[in-house]
Amino acid sequence: MKRLTLLAVFAVFITLNGCSQLQSIKSALTDLQRLQFKLNNVNGFRLAGIDITNKSSVSDFSMMDGLNALNAYRSNKLPAEFILNLDVKNPNDGSNGSRNVPATLTGLEFRMLIDNQPTITGNIAKEFTIPAGGNATTVPISISLDLYEFFGKQGYEKLADLAFAIGGKNGSASRITLDAKPTVKTSLGAITYPGRINIVDKSFTN
């Protein structure tokens, strides 16, 4: 009789513990799915070492800057560096049985596309806490690539125009897409999205 009683208690314990684990998994997945991503803007764009933030075309270059950029292109290189700002939302507000808790974005493995052309791969440099409530948190991503490597056949003027369209005076992230796979810290540990998502500047996606 005692053995049967102990077995029954053990079975109840396993059942309750299993239900608790299932609930934790469900909560963790709910938190994961709630994160939303959108490209914001581009800051600090440097083309061949030249700051083009307030420039609209190569005609805005000084003679020396123009010569340096052209020489870089003639050497089959046109390096570009900039900060791509990513907005991340955690709209969990505690309604509908969800938990009002922050989420921690621990990774964002990505491939960057420009005009649908795949370019470099990368990841975020550190963890970012995304507070609950729906306000966007900006995650800066440092980008470094050689435009000539991916677009050199288009010619110098078109490459320069592309750089100004992204990081110049009237630039935006509209020509950029991140093909990404986020990783989020949950109560069960780090969970990576099961599939990839396309992050653009037009609307939030999860």
Protein backbone atom coordinates (compact mmCIF):
# COMPACT_ATOMS: atom_id res chain seq x y z
CA MET A 1 0.00 0.00 0.00
CA LYS A 2 2.78 2.42 0.91
CA ARG A 3 4.53 1.63 -2.37
CA LEU A 4 1.34 2.37 -4.33
CA THR A 5 0.87 5.63 -2.45
CA LEU A 6 4.43 6.74 -3.19
CA LEU A 7 4.03 5.86 -6.85
CA ALA A 8 0.81 7.86 -6.99
CA VAL A 9 2.47 10.89 -5.39
CA PHE A 10 5.41 10.60 -7.76
CA ALA A 11 3.06 10.40 -10.75
CA VAL A 12 1.21 13.51 -9.59
CA PHE A 13 4.55 15.31 -9.11
CA ILE A 14 5.68 14.40 -12.62
CA THR A 15 2.34 15.50 -14.06
CA LEU A 16 2.38 18.84 -12.26
CA ASN A 17 6.01 19.44 -13.10
CA GLY A 18 5.32 18.57 -16.73
CA CYS A 19 2.39 21.01 -16.84
CA SER A 20 4.59 23.69 -15.31
CA GLN A 21 7.26 23.09 -17.94
CA LEU A 22 4.70 23.20 -20.72
CA GLN A 23 3.37 26.50 -19.38
CA SER A 24 6.92 27.88 -19.22
CA ILE A 25 7.53 26.82 -22.80
CA LYS A 26 4.25 28.40 -23.90
CA SER A 27 5.07 31.66 -22.10
CA ALA A 28 8.58 31.73 -23.51
CA LEU A 29 7.36 31.19 -27.05
CA THR A 30 4.72 33.88 -26.59
CA ASP A 31 7.40 36.35 -25.48
CA LEU A 32 9.56 35.36 -28.42
CA GLN A 33 6.84 35.86 -31.01
CA ARG A 34 5.91 39.29 -29.70
CA LEU A 35 9.17 41.00 -30.68
CA GLN A 36 8.78 43.14 -33.80
CA PHE A 37 11.54 44.58 -36.01
CA LYS A 38 11.81 47.51 -38.40
CA LEU A 39 14.71 49.40 -40.00
CA ASN A 40 14.89 53.01 -38.85
CA ASN A 41 17.67 55.06 -40.45
CA VAL A 42 21.37 55.26 -41.25
CA ASN A 43 23.93 57.37 -39.38
CA GLY A 44 27.57 58.29 -39.91
CA PHE A 45 27.98 57.02 -43.45
CA ARG A 46 31.60 57.19 -44.59
CA LEU A 47 32.53 56.40 -48.19
CA ALA A 48 36.24 55.74 -48.73
CA GLY A 49 36.79 57.50 -45.40
CA ILE A 50 34.72 60.56 -46.42
CA ASP A 51 31.74 61.61 -44.30
CA ILE A 52 28.81 61.97 -46.71
CA THR A 53 26.10 62.56 -44.09
CA ASN A 54 25.35 66.11 -45.27
CA LYS A 55 26.16 65.58 -48.94
CA SER A 56 23.77 64.88 -51.82
CA SER A 57 26.16 64.01 -54.68
CA VAL A 58 29.82 63.85 -55.69
CA SER A 59 29.57 67.52 -56.63
CA ASP A 60 29.48 68.24 -52.88
CA PHE A 61 32.93 66.69 -52.44
CA SER A 62 35.96 68.88 -52.05
CA MET A 63 38.55 68.41 -54.77
CA MET A 64 40.67 66.26 -52.47
CA ASP A 65 37.73 64.12 -51.27
CA GLY A 66 36.55 63.59 -54.83
CA LEU A 67 40.03 62.54 -55.90
CA ASN A 68 40.37 60.13 -52.96
CA ALA A 69 37.02 58.48 -53.70
CA LEU A 70 37.80 58.14 -57.40
CA ASN A 71 41.25 56.68 -56.68
CA ALA A 72 39.68 54.16 -54.34
CA TYR A 73 37.29 53.08 -57.07
CA ARG A 74 40.12 52.82 -59.61
CA SER A 75 41.92 50.49 -57.22
CA ASN A 76 38.81 48.24 -57.26
CA LYS A 77 37.72 49.28 -53.79
CA LEU A 78 35.03 51.57 -52.42
CA PRO A 79 34.76 50.91 -48.68
CA ALA A 80 31.66 52.06 -46.83
CA GLU A 81 31.02 52.24 -43.08
CA PHE A 82 27.84 53.29 -41.31
CA ILE A 83 25.45 52.62 -38.45
CA LEU A 84 22.18 50.95 -39.39
CA ASN A 85 19.60 51.71 -36.69
CA LEU A 86 17.08 48.95 -36.03
CA ASP A 87 13.85 49.55 -34.09
CA VAL A 88 12.64 46.66 -31.93
CA LYS A 89 9.26 46.50 -30.17
CA ASN A 90 8.09 44.27 -27.36
CA PRO A 91 4.34 45.04 -27.36
CA ASN A 92 3.58 42.65 -24.50
CA ASP A 93 1.45 44.74 -22.13
CA GLY A 94 0.15 41.99 -19.85
CA SER A 95 -3.23 41.72 -21.57
CA ASN A 96 -4.85 38.51 -22.81
CA GLY A 97 -3.04 36.44 -20.21
CA SER A 98 0.44 37.39 -21.42
CA ARG A 99 3.24 38.48 -19.12
CA ASN A 100 4.33 42.09 -18.91
CA VAL A 101 8.05 41.41 -18.96
CA PRO A 102 11.04 42.79 -20.89
CA ALA A 103 12.77 40.67 -23.49
CA THR A 104 16.49 40.45 -24.12
CA LEU A 105 17.69 40.34 -27.70
CA THR A 106 20.94 38.37 -27.48
CA GLY A 107 21.64 37.85 -31.17
CA LEU A 108 20.56 38.89 -34.65
CA GLU A 109 22.40 36.82 -37.23
CA PHE A 110 21.77 38.54 -40.55
CA ARG A 111 22.63 38.91 -44.20
CA MET A 112 22.23 42.44 -45.54
CA LEU A 113 20.69 42.97 -48.96
CA ILE A 114 20.97 46.23 -50.88
CA ASP A 115 18.57 46.55 -53.81
CA ASN A 116 17.87 42.82 -53.27
CA GLN A 117 21.57 42.03 -53.82
CA PRO A 118 22.99 39.87 -50.97
CA THR A 119 26.06 41.46 -49.42
CA ILE A 120 27.69 40.94 -46.01
CA THR A 121 26.66 38.83 -43.02
CA GLY A 122 26.87 39.94 -39.39
CA ASN A 123 25.36 40.08 -35.93
CA ILE A 124 24.70 42.58 -33.16
CA ALA A 125 27.67 43.38 -30.94
CA LYS A 126 25.94 42.97 -27.56
CA GLU A 127 22.66 42.16 -25.82
CA PHE A 128 19.80 44.67 -25.80
CA THR A 129 16.91 44.73 -23.34
CA ILE A 130 13.58 45.50 -25.02
CA PRO A 131 11.11 46.82 -22.42
CA ALA A 132 7.51 45.66 -22.52
CA GLY A 133 4.76 48.06 -23.54
CA GLY A 134 5.23 48.65 -27.25
CA ASN A 135 7.71 51.53 -27.38
CA ALA A 136 10.50 51.00 -29.89
CA THR A 137 14.06 50.44 -28.67
CA THR A 138 16.79 51.42 -31.13
CA VAL A 139 19.49 48.81 -31.72
CA PRO A 140 22.51 50.24 -33.62
CA ILE A 141 24.29 47.83 -35.97
CA SER A 142 27.78 48.66 -37.22
CA ILE A 143 28.09 47.95 -40.94
CA SER A 144 31.30 47.75 -42.93
CA LEU A 145 31.44 46.59 -46.56
CA ASP A 146 33.15 47.21 -49.87
CA LEU A 147 30.55 48.55 -52.30
CA TYR A 148 32.85 47.79 -55.21
CA GLU A 149 32.86 44.09 -54.33
CA PHE A 150 29.11 43.82 -54.81
CA PHE A 151 28.27 46.67 -57.21
CA GLY A 152 31.53 47.52 -59.00
CA LYS A 153 30.19 46.65 -62.44
CA GLN A 154 27.66 49.49 -62.19
CA GLY A 155 30.36 52.14 -62.48
CA TYR A 156 31.67 54.85 -60.19
CA GLU A 157 28.78 57.32 -60.51
CA LYS A 158 26.09 54.72 -59.77
CA LEU A 159 28.02 53.41 -56.78
CA ALA A 160 28.37 56.94 -55.43
CA ASP A 161 24.65 57.58 -56.05
CA LEU A 162 23.83 54.39 -54.14
CA ALA A 163 25.94 55.53 -51.19
CA PHE A 164 24.25 58.96 -51.14
CA ALA A 165 20.79 57.34 -51.38
CA ILE A 166 21.53 55.34 -48.24
CA GLY A 167 23.71 57.61 -46.13
CA GLY A 168 23.67 61.05 -47.73
CA LYS A 169 21.72 64.17 -46.85
CA ASN A 170 18.42 62.71 -48.07
CA GLY A 171 19.36 59.08 -47.47
CA SER A 172 17.27 56.35 -45.88
CA ALA A 173 17.28 52.61 -45.23
CA SER A 174 14.63 51.98 -47.89
CA ARG A 175 17.07 50.15 -50.17
CA ILE A 176 18.26 47.84 -47.39
CA THR A 177 16.77 44.55 -46.21
CA LEU A 178 18.02 42.39 -43.35
CA ASP A 179 17.44 38.67 -43.82
CA ALA A 180 17.70 37.84 -40.14
CA LYS A 181 17.34 35.19 -37.47
CA PRO A 182 16.90 36.71 -34.00
CA THR A 183 17.83 35.02 -30.74
CA VAL A 184 15.96 36.05 -27.57
CA LYS A 185 16.70 35.22 -23.93
CA THR A 186 13.68 33.67 -22.19
CA SER A 187 12.94 31.93 -18.90
CA LEU A 188 14.04 28.70 -20.61
CA GLY A 189 17.27 30.18 -21.90
CA ALA A 190 18.16 31.57 -25.32
CA ILE A 191 15.71 30.69 -28.10
CA THR A 192 16.46 31.31 -31.76
CA TYR A 193 13.63 31.98 -34.19
CA PRO A 194 12.78 28.77 -36.06
CA GLY A 195 12.68 30.65 -39.38
CA ARG A 196 14.23 33.73 -40.92
CA ILE A 197 12.49 37.11 -41.24
CA ASN A 198 12.92 40.00 -43.65
CA ILE A 199 13.35 43.32 -41.86
CA VAL A 200 12.63 46.47 -43.90
CA ASP A 201 11.89 50.13 -43.19
CA LYS A 202 8.24 50.11 -44.25
CA SER A 203 6.60 48.26 -41.36
CA PHE A 204 7.32 46.16 -38.29
CA THR A 205 7.62 42.41 -38.76
CA ASN A 206 8.01 39.43 -36.45
